[in-house]
Protein backbone atom coordinates (compact mmCIF):
# COMPACT_ATOMS: atom_id res chain seq x y z
CA MET A 1 104.11 24.83 24.79
CA SER A 2 104.85 22.14 27.39
CA ARG A 3 104.23 22.88 31.06
CA SER A 4 107.96 22.51 31.66
CA ARG A 5 108.80 25.25 29.13
CA GLN A 6 106.11 27.47 30.62
CA LEU A 7 107.63 26.99 34.07
CA GLN A 8 111.09 27.76 32.72
CA ASP A 9 109.85 31.01 31.20
CA ARG A 10 108.12 31.97 34.45
CA ALA A 11 111.23 31.08 36.43
CA ARG A 12 113.47 33.25 34.25
CA ALA A 13 111.21 36.20 35.04
CA ARG A 14 111.17 35.63 38.80
CA ILE A 15 114.36 33.74 39.78
CA PRO A 16 117.77 35.13 38.82
CA GLY A 17 119.53 32.37 36.87
CA MET A 18 116.25 30.37 36.71
CA THR A 19 117.18 27.88 39.46
CA GLN A 20 118.96 27.80 42.81
CA LEU A 21 121.68 25.45 41.55
CA LEU A 22 123.78 26.02 38.44
CA SER A 23 124.10 22.28 37.81
CA LYS A 24 120.31 21.93 37.49
CA ARG A 25 119.78 24.70 34.98
CA PRO A 26 118.26 23.21 31.79
CA ASP A 27 120.81 25.12 29.71
CA MET A 28 123.54 23.01 31.30
CA PHE A 29 122.11 20.05 29.35
CA SER A 30 120.09 21.14 26.32
CA TYR A 31 117.80 24.11 26.72
CA GLY A 32 114.45 23.32 25.15
CA VAL A 33 114.94 19.56 25.45
CA TRP A 34 115.81 18.98 29.12
CA PRO A 35 112.52 18.64 31.09
CA GLY A 36 113.59 20.95 33.88
CA TYR A 37 110.87 20.21 36.46
CA TYR A 38 109.60 17.02 38.08
CA GLU A 39 106.22 15.95 39.39
CA SER A 40 107.47 12.93 41.33
CA ALA A 41 110.57 10.80 41.77
CA LYS A 42 110.94 7.29 43.17
CA GLY A 43 113.89 4.91 43.07
CA ALA A 44 115.74 5.71 39.86
CA ARG A 45 112.74 7.07 37.98
CA ILE A 46 111.39 10.57 37.51
CA ARG A 47 108.03 11.78 36.19
CA ASP A 48 108.23 15.29 34.78
CA VAL A 49 105.51 17.93 35.05
CA ASP A 50 104.24 16.95 31.61
CA GLY A 51 103.59 13.36 32.76
CA ARG A 52 106.53 11.68 31.00
CA GLU A 53 108.49 9.08 32.95
CA TYR A 54 112.24 8.57 32.63
CA LEU A 55 114.96 6.32 33.93
CA ASP A 56 117.36 8.83 35.48
CA MET A 57 120.99 8.07 34.67
CA SER A 58 122.10 11.69 34.93
CA ILE A 59 122.97 13.62 38.10
CA ALA A 60 120.97 11.84 40.87
CA GLY A 61 119.95 15.10 42.51
CA ILE A 62 123.51 16.30 41.76
CA GLY A 63 124.90 13.45 43.84
CA ALA A 64 122.60 13.95 46.83
CA CYS A 65 120.33 10.93 46.42
CA VAL A 66 122.89 8.21 47.02
CA LEU A 67 120.27 5.57 47.84
CA GLY A 68 117.69 6.66 45.29
CA TYR A 69 114.72 8.98 45.20
CA ALA A 70 112.15 8.82 48.02
CA ASP A 71 113.92 5.94 49.75
CA ASP A 72 111.39 4.22 52.03
CA GLU A 73 113.70 3.75 55.02
CA VAL A 74 114.88 7.33 55.05
CA ASP A 75 111.45 8.81 54.36
CA ASP A 76 109.80 6.64 57.04
CA ALA A 77 112.35 7.88 59.57
CA VAL A 78 111.71 11.47 58.53
CA ARG A 79 107.94 11.06 58.71
CA ALA A 80 108.27 9.67 62.24
CA ALA A 81 110.46 12.64 63.18
CA ILE A 82 107.96 15.10 61.72
CA SER A 83 105.16 13.55 63.77
CA LYS A 84 107.16 14.29 66.94
CA GLY A 85 108.04 17.84 65.98
CA VAL A 86 110.99 18.98 63.88
CA ALA A 87 111.93 21.97 66.07
CA SER A 88 111.41 23.12 69.63
CA SER A 89 113.13 25.12 72.35
CA LEU A 90 115.21 22.01 73.16
CA ASN A 91 117.73 20.14 71.03
CA CYS A 92 117.04 16.85 69.25
CA PRO A 93 118.91 13.83 70.65
CA GLU A 94 119.59 12.56 67.14
CA GLU A 95 122.32 15.16 66.64
CA VAL A 96 124.33 13.52 69.43
CA GLU A 97 123.68 10.06 68.01
CA LEU A 98 124.78 11.19 64.54
CA ALA A 99 127.97 12.77 65.91
CA GLU A 100 128.88 9.52 67.62
CA LEU A 101 128.21 7.53 64.44
CA LEU A 102 130.30 9.88 62.28
CA CYS A 103 133.20 9.67 64.71
CA SER A 104 132.96 5.89 64.81
CA LEU A 105 133.18 5.86 61.00
CA HIS A 106 136.20 8.20 61.19
CA PRO A 107 138.22 7.08 64.23
CA TRP A 108 140.71 9.95 63.78
CA ALA A 109 137.89 12.45 64.44
CA THR A 110 136.46 13.27 67.86
CA MET A 111 133.98 16.14 67.37
CA VAL A 112 131.28 17.22 64.89
CA ARG A 113 129.38 20.37 63.92
CA TYR A 114 126.43 20.56 61.52
CA THR A 115 125.11 22.83 58.80
CA ARG A 116 122.52 22.25 56.09
CA SER A 117 124.42 22.86 52.83
CA GLY A 118 127.84 22.00 51.51
CA GLY A 119 128.85 25.60 50.83
CA GLU A 120 128.15 26.73 54.37
CA ALA A 121 129.83 23.61 55.78
CA MET A 122 132.99 24.47 53.84
CA ALA A 123 132.75 28.07 55.08
CA MET A 124 132.52 26.74 58.63
CA ALA A 125 135.56 24.50 58.17
CA VAL A 126 137.68 27.33 56.77
CA ARG A 127 136.53 29.65 59.56
CA LEU A 128 137.47 27.04 62.16
CA ALA A 129 140.90 26.59 60.59
CA ARG A 130 141.52 30.32 60.54
CA ALA A 131 140.32 30.70 64.13
CA HIS A 132 142.49 27.79 65.25
CA THR A 133 145.67 29.00 63.52
CA ARG A 134 145.03 32.76 63.73
CA ARG A 135 146.10 32.94 60.07
CA ASP A 136 144.34 33.98 56.86
CA VAL A 137 145.69 32.18 53.78
CA VAL A 138 143.97 29.17 52.23
CA ALA A 139 145.67 26.85 49.72
CA PHE A 140 143.23 24.64 47.83
CA CYS A 141 142.74 22.33 44.89
CA GLY A 142 139.41 21.28 43.43
CA TYR A 143 135.93 22.77 43.56
CA HIS A 144 134.65 23.97 46.93
CA GLY A 145 131.50 26.03 46.40
CA TRP A 146 130.32 29.59 46.09
CA MET A 147 131.50 31.32 49.27
CA ASP A 148 133.73 34.40 49.44
CA TRP A 149 136.76 32.55 50.81
CA TYR A 150 136.89 30.46 47.61
CA LEU A 151 135.94 32.99 44.93
CA ALA A 152 138.57 35.32 46.41
CA ALA A 153 141.10 33.34 44.35
CA ASN A 154 139.78 35.14 41.24
CA LEU A 155 140.17 38.65 42.66
CA ALA A 156 143.64 38.92 41.12
CA GLY A 157 141.98 38.84 37.70
CA ASP A 158 143.80 35.77 36.41
CA SER A 159 140.80 33.37 36.53
CA ALA A 160 142.65 31.12 38.95
CA LEU A 161 139.57 28.94 39.44
CA ASP A 162 139.11 28.04 35.76
CA GLY A 163 140.84 24.68 36.19
CA HIS A 164 138.78 23.76 39.24
CA LEU A 165 135.55 22.45 37.64
CA ILE A 166 133.65 25.62 36.68
CA PRO A 167 135.38 28.24 34.50
CA GLY A 168 134.29 31.84 34.16
CA LEU A 169 133.41 32.57 37.79
CA ASP A 170 133.43 36.34 38.31
CA PRO A 171 134.16 37.34 41.92
CA ALA A 172 131.65 40.21 41.71
CA GLY A 173 130.48 41.02 45.23
CA VAL A 174 133.50 39.41 46.91
CA PRO A 175 135.30 42.07 49.00
CA ARG A 176 138.50 43.24 47.30
CA GLY A 177 140.19 43.05 50.67
CA LEU A 178 140.16 39.25 50.39
CA ALA A 179 142.64 39.36 47.49
CA GLY A 180 145.72 37.34 48.32
CA THR A 181 143.97 35.05 50.80
CA ALA A 182 143.20 32.02 48.57
CA PHE A 183 145.61 30.28 46.21
CA PRO A 184 144.93 27.22 44.03
CA PHE A 185 147.24 24.31 43.32
CA ARG A 186 146.61 21.39 40.98
CA TYR A 187 145.77 17.93 42.24
CA ASN A 188 148.84 15.65 42.24
CA HIS A 189 151.17 18.66 42.10
CA PRO A 190 152.60 19.02 45.62
CA GLU A 191 155.34 21.31 44.29
CA GLU A 192 152.71 23.98 43.63
CA LEU A 193 151.51 23.70 47.23
CA GLU A 194 155.10 23.99 48.40
CA GLN A 195 155.42 27.24 46.45
CA ILE A 196 152.27 28.67 48.04
CA ALA A 197 153.64 27.85 51.47
CA ALA A 198 157.00 29.41 50.60
CA ASP A 199 155.32 32.56 49.31
CA ASN A 200 153.20 32.89 52.44
CA PRO A 201 155.46 32.08 55.41
CA ASP A 202 153.56 31.86 58.69
CA ARG A 203 150.31 32.84 56.92
CA LEU A 204 148.94 29.46 55.79
CA ALA A 205 145.80 28.67 57.78
CA CYS A 206 144.65 25.58 55.93
CA ILE A 207 144.97 23.32 52.94
CA VAL A 208 141.65 22.36 51.35
CA MET A 209 141.37 19.48 48.91
CA GLU A 210 139.07 16.77 47.66
CA PRO A 211 140.22 13.19 48.28
CA ILE A 212 139.71 12.48 44.57
CA ARG A 213 138.12 14.12 41.58
CA SER A 214 138.84 13.10 38.00
CA CYS A 215 141.93 11.04 38.76
CA PRO A 216 143.19 9.09 41.82
CA PRO A 217 145.96 10.46 44.04
CA ALA A 218 149.45 9.79 42.68
CA PRO A 219 151.84 7.85 44.94
CA GLY A 220 153.16 10.15 47.64
CA PHE A 221 150.87 13.10 46.85
CA VAL A 222 148.60 12.96 49.89
CA GLU A 223 151.56 12.08 52.11
CA ALA A 224 153.36 15.21 50.85
CA VAL A 225 150.32 17.38 51.56
CA ARG A 226 150.00 15.96 55.07
CA ALA A 227 153.70 16.49 55.72
CA LEU A 228 153.53 20.13 54.60
CA ALA A 229 150.49 20.75 56.82
CA ASP A 230 152.37 19.29 59.78
CA ARG A 231 155.50 21.29 59.01
CA THR A 232 153.70 24.62 58.62
CA GLY A 233 151.02 24.13 61.26
CA ALA A 234 148.25 24.46 58.66
CA VAL A 235 144.98 22.58 59.07
CA LEU A 236 144.29 19.91 56.43
CA ILE A 237 140.62 19.94 55.37
CA MET A 238 139.28 17.12 53.21
CA ASP A 239 136.23 18.17 51.18
CA GLU A 240 134.16 14.97 50.99
CA ILE A 241 131.03 16.70 49.72
CA SER A 242 131.17 14.87 46.37
CA ALA A 243 133.31 11.81 47.16
CA GLY A 244 131.81 10.93 50.54
CA LEU A 245 129.85 7.63 50.58
CA ARG A 246 131.05 6.75 47.05
CA TYR A 247 133.91 4.46 48.17
CA THR A 248 132.76 3.39 51.63
CA THR A 249 130.28 4.40 54.32
CA GLY A 250 132.16 7.55 55.25
CA GLY A 251 134.94 9.44 53.56
CA ALA A 252 136.78 8.37 50.43
CA HIS A 253 140.02 9.30 52.18
CA LEU A 254 139.54 6.23 54.40
CA VAL A 255 140.01 4.03 51.32
CA LEU A 256 142.24 6.03 49.00
CA HIS A 257 144.88 7.67 51.19
CA ASN A 258 146.86 4.79 52.71
CA GLY A 259 146.02 5.71 56.28
CA VAL A 260 146.73 9.45 55.88
CA THR A 261 144.02 11.38 57.72
CA PRO A 262 142.97 15.05 57.64
CA ASP A 263 142.32 17.39 60.55
CA MET A 264 138.77 18.03 59.37
CA ALA A 265 136.48 16.45 56.78
CA VAL A 266 133.34 17.98 55.33
CA PHE A 267 130.26 15.99 54.28
CA SER A 268 127.07 17.01 52.51
CA LYS A 269 125.19 15.88 49.37
CA ALA A 270 124.80 12.12 50.01
CA LEU A 271 124.72 12.46 53.80
CA GLY A 272 120.94 12.91 53.99
CA ASN A 273 119.90 11.22 50.72
CA GLY A 274 118.38 14.47 49.46
CA TYR A 275 117.43 15.97 52.80
CA ALA A 276 119.42 19.07 53.72
CA MET A 277 122.24 17.89 55.97
CA SER A 278 125.95 18.61 56.20
CA ALA A 279 128.62 17.87 58.77
CA VAL A 280 132.14 18.93 59.62
CA VAL A 281 134.03 16.25 61.55
CA GLY A 282 137.44 16.81 63.02
CA ARG A 283 140.02 16.69 65.76
CA SER A 284 138.97 18.24 69.06
CA ASP A 285 141.72 20.85 69.17
CA VAL A 286 140.65 22.27 65.81
CA MET A 287 136.90 21.86 66.30
CA GLN A 288 136.98 23.62 69.67
CA ALA A 289 137.85 26.80 67.77
CA ALA A 290 134.07 27.03 67.25
CA GLN A 291 133.97 28.38 70.80
CA ASP A 292 136.45 31.15 69.95
CA THR A 293 134.49 32.47 66.96
CA PHE A 294 130.77 32.93 66.29
CA ILE A 295 129.23 30.10 64.23
CA SER A 296 125.53 29.55 64.90
CA SER A 297 122.25 29.11 63.01
CA THR A 298 118.65 28.26 63.93
CA ASN A 299 118.07 25.70 61.19
CA TRP A 300 121.22 23.77 62.03
CA THR A 301 119.31 22.46 65.04
CA GLU A 302 116.19 21.05 63.36
CA ARG A 303 115.51 17.32 63.53
CA ILE A 304 114.93 16.17 59.96
CA GLY A 305 118.55 16.42 58.78
CA PRO A 306 120.13 14.31 61.55
CA VAL A 307 117.35 11.72 61.34
CA ALA A 308 117.74 11.43 57.55
CA ALA A 309 121.52 11.16 57.88
CA LEU A 310 121.29 8.40 60.48
CA ALA A 311 118.92 6.38 58.30
CA THR A 312 121.04 6.97 55.18
CA LEU A 313 124.33 5.97 56.79
CA ARG A 314 122.87 2.85 58.39
CA LYS A 315 121.29 1.60 55.17
CA HIS A 316 124.38 2.48 53.15
CA GLN A 317 126.58 0.53 55.54
CA ARG A 318 124.24 -2.45 55.74
CA LEU A 319 123.95 -2.81 51.96
CA ALA A 320 127.61 -1.92 51.23
CA VAL A 321 126.28 0.41 48.54
CA HIS A 322 129.78 1.44 47.47
CA GLU A 323 130.46 -2.09 46.21
CA GLN A 324 127.50 -1.82 43.82
CA PHE A 325 128.77 1.60 42.71
CA ALA A 326 132.15 0.13 41.83
CA ARG A 327 130.58 -2.68 39.79
CA HIS A 328 128.07 -0.51 37.93
CA GLY A 329 130.56 2.32 37.45
CA ARG A 330 133.14 0.05 35.86
CA ALA A 331 130.49 -1.35 33.52
CA ILE A 332 129.35 2.12 32.48
CA LYS A 333 132.85 3.46 31.88
CA GLN A 334 133.72 0.43 29.77
CA GLY A 335 130.38 0.67 28.00
CA TRP A 336 131.10 4.24 26.94
CA LEU A 337 134.52 3.23 25.61
CA ASP A 338 133.20 0.18 23.80
CA ALA A 339 130.31 2.05 22.19
CA GLY A 340 132.64 4.84 21.15
CA ALA A 341 135.06 2.36 19.56
CA ARG A 342 132.24 0.56 17.71
CA HIS A 343 131.02 3.77 16.12
CA GLY A 344 134.27 5.62 15.61
CA LEU A 345 133.77 8.22 18.32
CA PRO A 346 136.98 9.29 20.12
CA VAL A 347 135.54 8.92 23.63
CA GLN A 348 137.55 9.81 26.73
CA VAL A 349 136.38 8.55 30.15
CA ASP A 350 137.26 9.86 33.58
CA GLY A 351 136.03 10.34 37.15
CA MET A 352 135.02 8.17 40.08
CA GLU A 353 133.11 5.00 39.27
CA ALA A 354 130.13 6.38 41.17
CA MET A 355 130.34 9.78 39.45
CA ALA A 356 131.91 9.18 36.04
CA HIS A 357 131.89 11.32 32.93
CA PHE A 358 132.90 11.11 29.29
CA SER A 359 133.98 13.55 26.62
CA ILE A 360 134.33 13.20 22.86
CA ASP A 361 137.41 14.63 21.19
CA GLY A 362 136.94 16.98 18.28
CA PRO A 363 135.21 20.30 17.63
CA ASP A 364 131.93 21.49 19.14
CA PHE A 365 131.56 19.01 21.98
CA ALA A 366 128.72 21.18 23.38
CA ALA A 367 126.58 20.37 20.34
CA SER A 368 127.47 16.67 20.51
CA LYS A 369 126.54 16.61 24.18
CA ALA A 370 123.21 18.33 23.51
CA TYR A 371 122.41 15.86 20.75
CA PHE A 372 123.30 12.93 23.04
CA VAL A 373 120.96 14.34 25.70
CA GLN A 374 118.23 14.59 23.07
CA LEU A 375 118.75 11.07 21.71
CA MET A 376 118.73 9.52 25.18
CA LYS A 377 115.58 11.43 26.17
CA GLU A 378 113.83 10.05 23.07
CA GLN A 379 114.53 6.58 24.52
CA GLY A 380 113.05 7.46 27.91
CA ILE A 381 116.33 8.09 29.72
CA LEU A 382 117.60 11.26 31.36
CA ALA A 383 121.32 11.35 30.61
CA SER A 384 124.17 13.72 29.97
CA ASN A 385 127.88 13.16 29.54
CA LEU A 386 128.09 12.19 33.20
CA CYS A 387 126.43 9.52 35.31
CA TYR A 388 125.93 9.75 39.06
CA LEU A 389 124.96 6.39 40.46
CA MET A 390 122.33 5.54 43.07
CA ALA A 391 121.72 2.35 45.02
CA ALA A 392 118.32 2.24 43.31
CA HIS A 393 119.99 1.59 39.95
CA THR A 394 119.63 -2.10 39.10
CA ASP A 395 121.66 -4.29 36.78
CA ALA A 396 118.74 -4.09 34.36
CA ASP A 397 118.81 -0.28 34.51
CA VAL A 398 122.50 -0.25 33.64
CA GLU A 399 121.91 -2.69 30.78
CA GLN A 400 119.02 -0.56 29.46
CA TYR A 401 121.16 2.56 29.73
CA LEU A 402 124.16 1.10 27.91
CA GLY A 403 121.93 -0.18 25.12
CA ALA A 404 120.55 3.32 24.68
CA VAL A 405 124.08 4.77 24.80
CA ASP A 406 125.15 2.46 21.98
CA ARG A 407 122.22 3.48 19.78
CA SER A 408 122.75 7.16 20.59
CA PHE A 409 126.47 7.00 19.86
CA LYS A 410 125.71 5.35 16.52
CA THR A 411 123.36 8.17 15.50
CA LEU A 412 125.68 10.83 16.92
CA ALA A 413 128.62 9.42 14.97
CA GLU A 414 126.59 9.55 11.75
CA ALA A 415 125.65 13.16 12.45
CA ARG A 416 129.22 14.16 13.21
CA GLU A 417 130.43 12.43 10.04
CA SER A 418 127.88 14.32 7.92
CA GLY A 419 128.38 17.60 9.78
CA THR A 420 124.69 17.81 10.70
CA VAL A 421 124.78 17.68 14.51
CA ARG A 422 123.59 21.24 15.01
CA ASP A 423 120.98 20.86 12.28
CA ARG A 424 119.41 18.01 14.22
CA LEU A 425 119.23 19.75 17.57
CA GLU A 426 115.80 20.50 18.98
CA GLY A 427 117.29 22.61 21.77
CA GLU A 428 120.28 24.81 22.44
CA PRO A 429 123.69 23.30 23.27
CA SER A 430 124.63 23.27 26.92
CA ALA A 431 126.64 26.08 28.44
CA ALA A 432 130.35 25.65 29.16
CA GLY A 433 130.89 26.73 32.74
CA PHE A 434 129.07 29.66 34.29
CA ARG A 435 127.31 32.29 32.24
CA ARG A 436 124.66 34.87 32.96
CA LEU A 437 121.15 33.75 31.98
CA ALA A 438 119.05 36.58 30.55
């Protein structure tokens, strides 16, 4: 048995769900095929614990490593910070410097607070909105993490979150008293938001949304959301945890929303290029609510996160990384479509250029996806039906990847035609949404 499989078996015995992040569980790709654990990572390449090296065209640390793995500029800055002490009884000056930089990138914002993960940053933003408005109800669209405020939408028993990225989320452990405090609406459907506001007069604390997910904002959608927030006094929170740094150095809303700005924006993932760092930026009147409620944590004051974020933002801005993402993302999306057409696969493509994904129409997509993962791995590439881009990806990497996609689609099409996809699998098909792992 490979060392990776041994580690997976040990992890299942000691770690509920095997890993800390659902999106990194091997059974989300192809259990028994996906390597699971890495020995080292540099640029766009990963060496697994069994000594095999891959070009990584999959999830890029689930979108966190926007520059690439072990980026020299960021790591050098972190090493220098470590040598001077990462924590003390005083505060690090870099947190002030980072706040000023974030506000300069977002001129509508005037104040900043930090956390270390996206989920807790979203929890902070919602708490601030509720403290500022003295109201309870949250209207949201999109995926926003694991916290109680969000999962409360499923307390009514109607699986309200199923259309918001991950289906099957059971609100076990979420207090029943939170029922009726979170209501979803679909992206590009302002009429659903209007209904939530009408059903909850004088109770709407905030509207939470991503600037973009699978499709761009329809004309007038963001303007309608902003207008409703202004009319009702609700706080508009833009969740930039996934989209941030994909369209510009800063929030995607700066590029996609025709000058419409939120009251708060939340950043994580790419902000520290893999180092734990998150930020909530916003208007002073809303952010000052932090002094009316208790929001405080020891590790939000350590030095590594702000230092990594400063180095990441500066390099991202200097290299205009988002322009490379647009070019590579367009090539990859078109490459999927072209390869699908060549081999008779009904491929559908969606998502941001920097975080695109494909699906294949027809029965048993889970098996087709698992076989694609397997075929790409045989060619030395970590891949799934999505591709999160990094600055470390070169033109040659994209060309190598698309060549492997074409060959894999050819073999996959043959297997689908002969009905032998599952017979050829060396692992188990990936899970659809969340499920308990025994």
